[in-house]
Amino acid sequence: VFPTGVYATFEPLPPRGASARPVGERVRDRSKRALNLSFDIFTLVLNVSDILSDVYIAYQYHRDGRKVYFALAVTVLVIAQIAYTGLFVTKYHRGSSYLSKLL
């Protein structure tokens, strides 16, 4: 009663727990996630080392008694952190009710 070939258009269900996506696509997704994680870790290490080097330089100025350079280094470090925080908040918390109340 059904025309021949009707069931040929349906793909068999994958085994329970298996993914319906091709293996190459799954490998590509895993590789992409691994590269993204590697980039995030590299960026984190780079940013933390930048801040630590700035703090160390400011410490050296303080230790050597160069008060003007120390004050300038600390001022630049604080302004940079405030700017980075402001950029982060405006980019990732747009539309937040807390942010709109704060501003």
N, C-alpha and C. Protein backbone atom coordinates (compact mmCIF):
# COMPACT_ATOMS: atom_id res chain seq x y z
N VAL A 1 0.80 -1.20 0.00
CA VAL A 1 0.00 0.00 0.00
C VAL A 1 0.84 1.27 0.00
N PHE A 2 2.06 1.19 0.51
CA PHE A 2 2.96 2.33 0.39
C PHE A 2 3.76 2.18 -0.91
N PRO A 3 4.00 3.27 -1.58
CA PRO A 3 4.83 3.16 -2.79
C PRO A 3 6.23 2.69 -2.42
N THR A 4 6.85 2.02 -3.35
CA THR A 4 8.20 1.53 -3.07
C THR A 4 9.16 2.71 -2.96
N GLY A 5 10.14 2.58 -2.10
CA GLY A 5 11.15 3.61 -1.92
C GLY A 5 10.81 4.65 -0.87
N VAL A 6 9.65 4.57 -0.23
CA VAL A 6 9.28 5.57 0.77
C VAL A 6 10.21 5.48 1.97
N TYR A 7 10.53 4.27 2.40
CA TYR A 7 11.36 4.10 3.58
C TYR A 7 12.83 4.34 3.28
N ALA A 8 13.21 4.41 2.02
CA ALA A 8 14.61 4.62 1.67
C ALA A 8 15.05 6.05 1.98
N THR A 9 14.12 6.98 2.16
CA THR A 9 14.50 8.36 2.45
C THR A 9 14.84 8.58 3.92
N PHE A 10 14.47 7.65 4.79
CA PHE A 10 14.76 7.80 6.21
C PHE A 10 16.11 7.20 6.53
N GLU A 11 16.90 7.96 7.31
CA GLU A 11 18.19 7.43 7.74
C GLU A 11 17.98 6.64 9.02
N PRO A 12 18.73 5.58 9.22
CA PRO A 12 18.57 4.82 10.45
C PRO A 12 19.02 5.66 11.65
N LEU A 13 18.39 5.45 12.78
CA LEU A 13 18.77 6.17 14.00
C LEU A 13 20.14 5.70 14.47
N PRO A 14 20.97 6.64 14.96
CA PRO A 14 22.28 6.22 15.48
C PRO A 14 22.09 5.43 16.77
N PRO A 15 23.05 4.59 17.12
CA PRO A 15 22.94 3.85 18.38
C PRO A 15 22.82 4.81 19.56
N ARG A 16 22.22 4.35 20.62
CA ARG A 16 22.01 5.18 21.80
C ARG A 16 23.36 5.70 22.31
N GLY A 17 23.42 7.02 22.53
CA GLY A 17 24.66 7.63 23.02
C GLY A 17 25.60 8.07 21.91
N ALA A 18 25.34 7.66 20.69
CA ALA A 18 26.21 8.03 19.58
C ALA A 18 25.72 9.34 18.97
N SER A 19 26.64 10.05 18.35
CA SER A 19 26.29 11.31 17.71
C SER A 19 25.89 11.06 16.27
N ALA A 20 24.94 11.85 15.78
CA ALA A 20 24.48 11.70 14.40
C ALA A 20 25.40 12.44 13.43
N ARG A 21 26.31 13.27 13.95
CA ARG A 21 27.20 14.03 13.08
C ARG A 21 28.34 13.16 12.59
N PRO A 22 28.87 13.47 11.40
CA PRO A 22 30.01 12.70 10.89
C PRO A 22 31.24 12.86 11.78
N VAL A 23 32.12 11.89 11.72
CA VAL A 23 33.31 11.88 12.56
C VAL A 23 34.19 13.10 12.27
N GLY A 24 34.35 13.45 11.01
CA GLY A 24 35.19 14.59 10.65
C GLY A 24 34.69 15.89 11.27
N GLU A 25 33.40 16.04 11.32
CA GLU A 25 32.81 17.24 11.91
C GLU A 25 33.07 17.29 13.42
N ARG A 26 32.95 16.13 14.07
CA ARG A 26 33.21 16.09 15.51
C ARG A 26 34.68 16.38 15.81
N VAL A 27 35.59 15.84 15.00
CA VAL A 27 37.02 16.09 15.19
C VAL A 27 37.31 17.57 14.98
N ARG A 28 36.70 18.17 13.96
CA ARG A 28 36.90 19.58 13.68
C ARG A 28 36.41 20.44 14.85
N ASP A 29 35.27 20.08 15.43
CA ASP A 29 34.75 20.82 16.58
C ASP A 29 35.68 20.70 17.79
N ARG A 30 36.19 19.50 18.02
CA ARG A 30 37.12 19.31 19.14
C ARG A 30 38.40 20.11 18.93
N SER A 31 38.90 20.10 17.70
CA SER A 31 40.12 20.86 17.39
C SER A 31 39.89 22.35 17.59
N LYS A 32 38.73 22.81 17.17
CA LYS A 32 38.39 24.22 17.33
C LYS A 32 38.31 24.60 18.81
N ARG A 33 37.69 23.75 19.61
CA ARG A 33 37.61 24.02 21.05
C ARG A 33 38.99 24.00 21.69
N ALA A 34 39.85 23.08 21.27
CA ALA A 34 41.20 23.01 21.83
C ALA A 34 42.01 24.26 21.46
N LEU A 35 41.88 24.72 20.22
CA LEU A 35 42.58 25.93 19.81
C LEU A 35 42.05 27.16 20.56
N ASN A 36 40.74 27.23 20.73
CA ASN A 36 40.17 28.35 21.49
C ASN A 36 40.66 28.35 22.93
N LEU A 37 40.71 27.18 23.55
CA LEU A 37 41.20 27.08 24.92
C LEU A 37 42.68 27.46 24.99
N SER A 38 43.47 27.00 24.03
CA SER A 38 44.89 27.33 24.01
C SER A 38 45.09 28.84 23.87
N PHE A 39 44.30 29.46 23.00
CA PHE A 39 44.40 30.91 22.82
C PHE A 39 44.00 31.64 24.09
N ASP A 40 42.93 31.18 24.76
CA ASP A 40 42.50 31.81 26.00
C ASP A 40 43.57 31.71 27.08
N ILE A 41 44.19 30.54 27.20
CA ILE A 41 45.25 30.35 28.20
C ILE A 41 46.45 31.24 27.88
N PHE A 42 46.85 31.29 26.60
CA PHE A 42 47.97 32.14 26.19
C PHE A 42 47.67 33.61 26.50
N THR A 43 46.46 34.06 26.19
CA THR A 43 46.08 35.44 26.45
C THR A 43 46.09 35.74 27.94
N LEU A 44 45.59 34.81 28.75
CA LEU A 44 45.59 34.99 30.20
C LEU A 44 47.01 35.12 30.73
N VAL A 45 47.89 34.22 30.31
CA VAL A 45 49.27 34.25 30.78
C VAL A 45 49.95 35.55 30.35
N LEU A 46 49.71 35.97 29.12
CA LEU A 46 50.31 37.20 28.62
C LEU A 46 49.82 38.42 29.40
N ASN A 47 48.53 38.51 29.66
CA ASN A 47 47.99 39.65 30.40
C ASN A 47 48.48 39.68 31.84
N VAL A 48 48.49 38.53 32.49
CA VAL A 48 48.96 38.49 33.88
C VAL A 48 50.44 38.85 33.95
N SER A 49 51.25 38.34 33.01
CA SER A 49 52.68 38.68 33.03
C SER A 49 52.90 40.16 32.75
N ASP A 50 52.05 40.78 31.92
CA ASP A 50 52.15 42.21 31.66
C ASP A 50 51.88 43.01 32.93
N ILE A 51 50.83 42.66 33.64
CA ILE A 51 50.49 43.37 34.88
C ILE A 51 51.58 43.16 35.93
N LEU A 52 52.06 41.93 36.06
CA LEU A 52 53.11 41.66 37.05
C LEU A 52 54.40 42.41 36.72
N SER A 53 54.74 42.51 35.45
CA SER A 53 55.95 43.26 35.09
C SER A 53 55.77 44.75 35.39
N ASP A 54 54.57 45.29 35.16
CA ASP A 54 54.31 46.69 35.50
C ASP A 54 54.42 46.92 37.00
N VAL A 55 53.88 46.01 37.78
CA VAL A 55 53.97 46.13 39.24
C VAL A 55 55.42 46.02 39.69
N TYR A 56 56.18 45.12 39.09
CA TYR A 56 57.59 44.96 39.46
C TYR A 56 58.40 46.21 39.14
N ILE A 57 58.14 46.81 38.00
CA ILE A 57 58.84 48.05 37.63
C ILE A 57 58.50 49.16 38.61
N ALA A 58 57.22 49.26 38.98
CA ALA A 58 56.82 50.27 39.96
C ALA A 58 57.52 50.00 41.30
N TYR A 59 57.62 48.73 41.67
CA TYR A 59 58.31 48.37 42.91
C TYR A 59 59.78 48.80 42.85
N GLN A 60 60.43 48.58 41.72
CA GLN A 60 61.83 48.98 41.58
C GLN A 60 61.99 50.49 41.72
N TYR A 61 61.07 51.25 41.15
CA TYR A 61 61.12 52.70 41.31
C TYR A 61 60.98 53.07 42.78
N HIS A 62 60.06 52.43 43.48
CA HIS A 62 59.84 52.71 44.90
C HIS A 62 61.07 52.33 45.71
N ARG A 63 61.63 51.18 45.42
CA ARG A 63 62.82 50.69 46.15
C ARG A 63 64.01 51.62 45.95
N ASP A 64 64.15 52.15 44.73
CA ASP A 64 65.28 53.02 44.42
C ASP A 64 65.05 54.48 44.84
N GLY A 65 63.88 54.77 45.41
CA GLY A 65 63.59 56.10 45.88
C GLY A 65 63.18 57.08 44.78
N ARG A 66 62.80 56.58 43.64
CA ARG A 66 62.38 57.45 42.54
C ARG A 66 60.86 57.64 42.64
N LYS A 67 60.48 58.54 43.53
CA LYS A 67 59.07 58.71 43.89
C LYS A 67 58.20 59.20 42.73
N VAL A 68 58.73 60.07 41.89
CA VAL A 68 57.94 60.60 40.77
C VAL A 68 57.66 59.48 39.76
N TYR A 69 58.70 58.71 39.44
CA TYR A 69 58.49 57.60 38.50
C TYR A 69 57.56 56.54 39.09
N PHE A 70 57.70 56.30 40.40
CA PHE A 70 56.82 55.36 41.06
C PHE A 70 55.36 55.82 40.97
N ALA A 71 55.13 57.08 41.26
CA ALA A 71 53.77 57.62 41.21
C ALA A 71 53.22 57.56 39.78
N LEU A 72 54.06 57.88 38.81
CA LEU A 72 53.61 57.80 37.42
C LEU A 72 53.29 56.36 37.01
N ALA A 73 54.13 55.43 37.40
CA ALA A 73 53.91 54.03 37.05
C ALA A 73 52.62 53.50 37.67
N VAL A 74 52.39 53.82 38.93
CA VAL A 74 51.17 53.37 39.60
C VAL A 74 49.95 54.04 38.97
N THR A 75 50.05 55.31 38.65
CA THR A 75 48.94 56.03 38.03
C THR A 75 48.57 55.42 36.68
N VAL A 76 49.57 55.15 35.87
CA VAL A 76 49.31 54.55 34.55
C VAL A 76 48.70 53.15 34.72
N LEU A 77 49.20 52.40 35.67
CA LEU A 77 48.67 51.05 35.92
C LEU A 77 47.21 51.12 36.36
N VAL A 78 46.87 52.01 37.25
CA VAL A 78 45.50 52.13 37.74
C VAL A 78 44.57 52.61 36.62
N ILE A 79 45.00 53.62 35.85
CA ILE A 79 44.17 54.12 34.75
C ILE A 79 43.93 53.02 33.72
N ALA A 80 44.96 52.24 33.41
CA ALA A 80 44.81 51.15 32.43
C ALA A 80 43.81 50.11 32.93
N GLN A 81 43.88 49.76 34.21
CA GLN A 81 42.97 48.76 34.74
C GLN A 81 41.53 49.28 34.77
N ILE A 82 41.35 50.54 35.09
CA ILE A 82 40.01 51.12 35.07
C ILE A 82 39.46 51.11 33.64
N ALA A 83 40.31 51.46 32.67
CA ALA A 83 39.87 51.47 31.27
C ALA A 83 39.52 50.06 30.79
N TYR A 84 40.35 49.06 31.12
CA TYR A 84 40.05 47.67 30.71
C TYR A 84 38.75 47.19 31.35
N THR A 85 38.55 47.53 32.61
CA THR A 85 37.32 47.12 33.30
C THR A 85 36.11 47.78 32.67
N GLY A 86 36.23 49.07 32.35
CA GLY A 86 35.12 49.78 31.70
C GLY A 86 34.79 49.19 30.34
N LEU A 87 35.82 48.87 29.56
CA LEU A 87 35.58 48.25 28.25
C LEU A 87 34.91 46.89 28.39
N PHE A 88 35.37 46.10 29.36
CA PHE A 88 34.78 44.78 29.58
C PHE A 88 33.31 44.89 29.96
N VAL A 89 33.01 45.79 30.88
CA VAL A 89 31.64 45.94 31.34
C VAL A 89 30.73 46.42 30.22
N THR A 90 31.18 47.40 29.44
CA THR A 90 30.33 47.90 28.36
C THR A 90 30.15 46.87 27.25
N LYS A 91 31.14 46.03 27.04
CA LYS A 91 31.01 45.03 25.96
C LYS A 91 30.17 43.83 26.37
N TYR A 92 30.38 43.30 27.57
CA TYR A 92 29.75 42.04 27.95
C TYR A 92 28.53 42.16 28.84
N HIS A 93 28.25 43.34 29.35
CA HIS A 93 27.08 43.49 30.21
C HIS A 93 26.12 44.54 29.68
N ARG A 94 26.10 44.67 28.36
CA ARG A 94 25.18 45.61 27.74
C ARG A 94 23.75 45.17 28.00
N GLY A 95 22.92 46.09 28.43
CA GLY A 95 21.52 45.76 28.70
C GLY A 95 21.28 45.23 30.09
N SER A 96 22.33 45.14 30.89
CA SER A 96 22.16 44.66 32.27
C SER A 96 21.46 45.73 33.10
N SER A 97 20.47 45.32 33.87
CA SER A 97 19.73 46.29 34.68
C SER A 97 20.64 46.89 35.76
N TYR A 98 21.57 46.11 36.29
CA TYR A 98 22.48 46.63 37.31
C TYR A 98 23.36 47.72 36.72
N LEU A 99 23.88 47.47 35.49
CA LEU A 99 24.74 48.46 34.85
C LEU A 99 23.98 49.74 34.55
N SER A 100 22.74 49.64 34.10
CA SER A 100 21.98 50.85 33.81
C SER A 100 21.68 51.64 35.09
N LYS A 101 21.48 50.95 36.21
CA LYS A 101 21.27 51.65 37.48
C LYS A 101 22.56 52.32 37.96
N LEU A 102 23.68 51.66 37.71
CA LEU A 102 24.96 52.19 38.13
C LEU A 102 25.34 53.42 37.34
N LEU A 103 25.09 53.40 36.06
CA LEU A 103 25.45 54.53 35.20
C LEU A 103 24.35 55.54 35.23
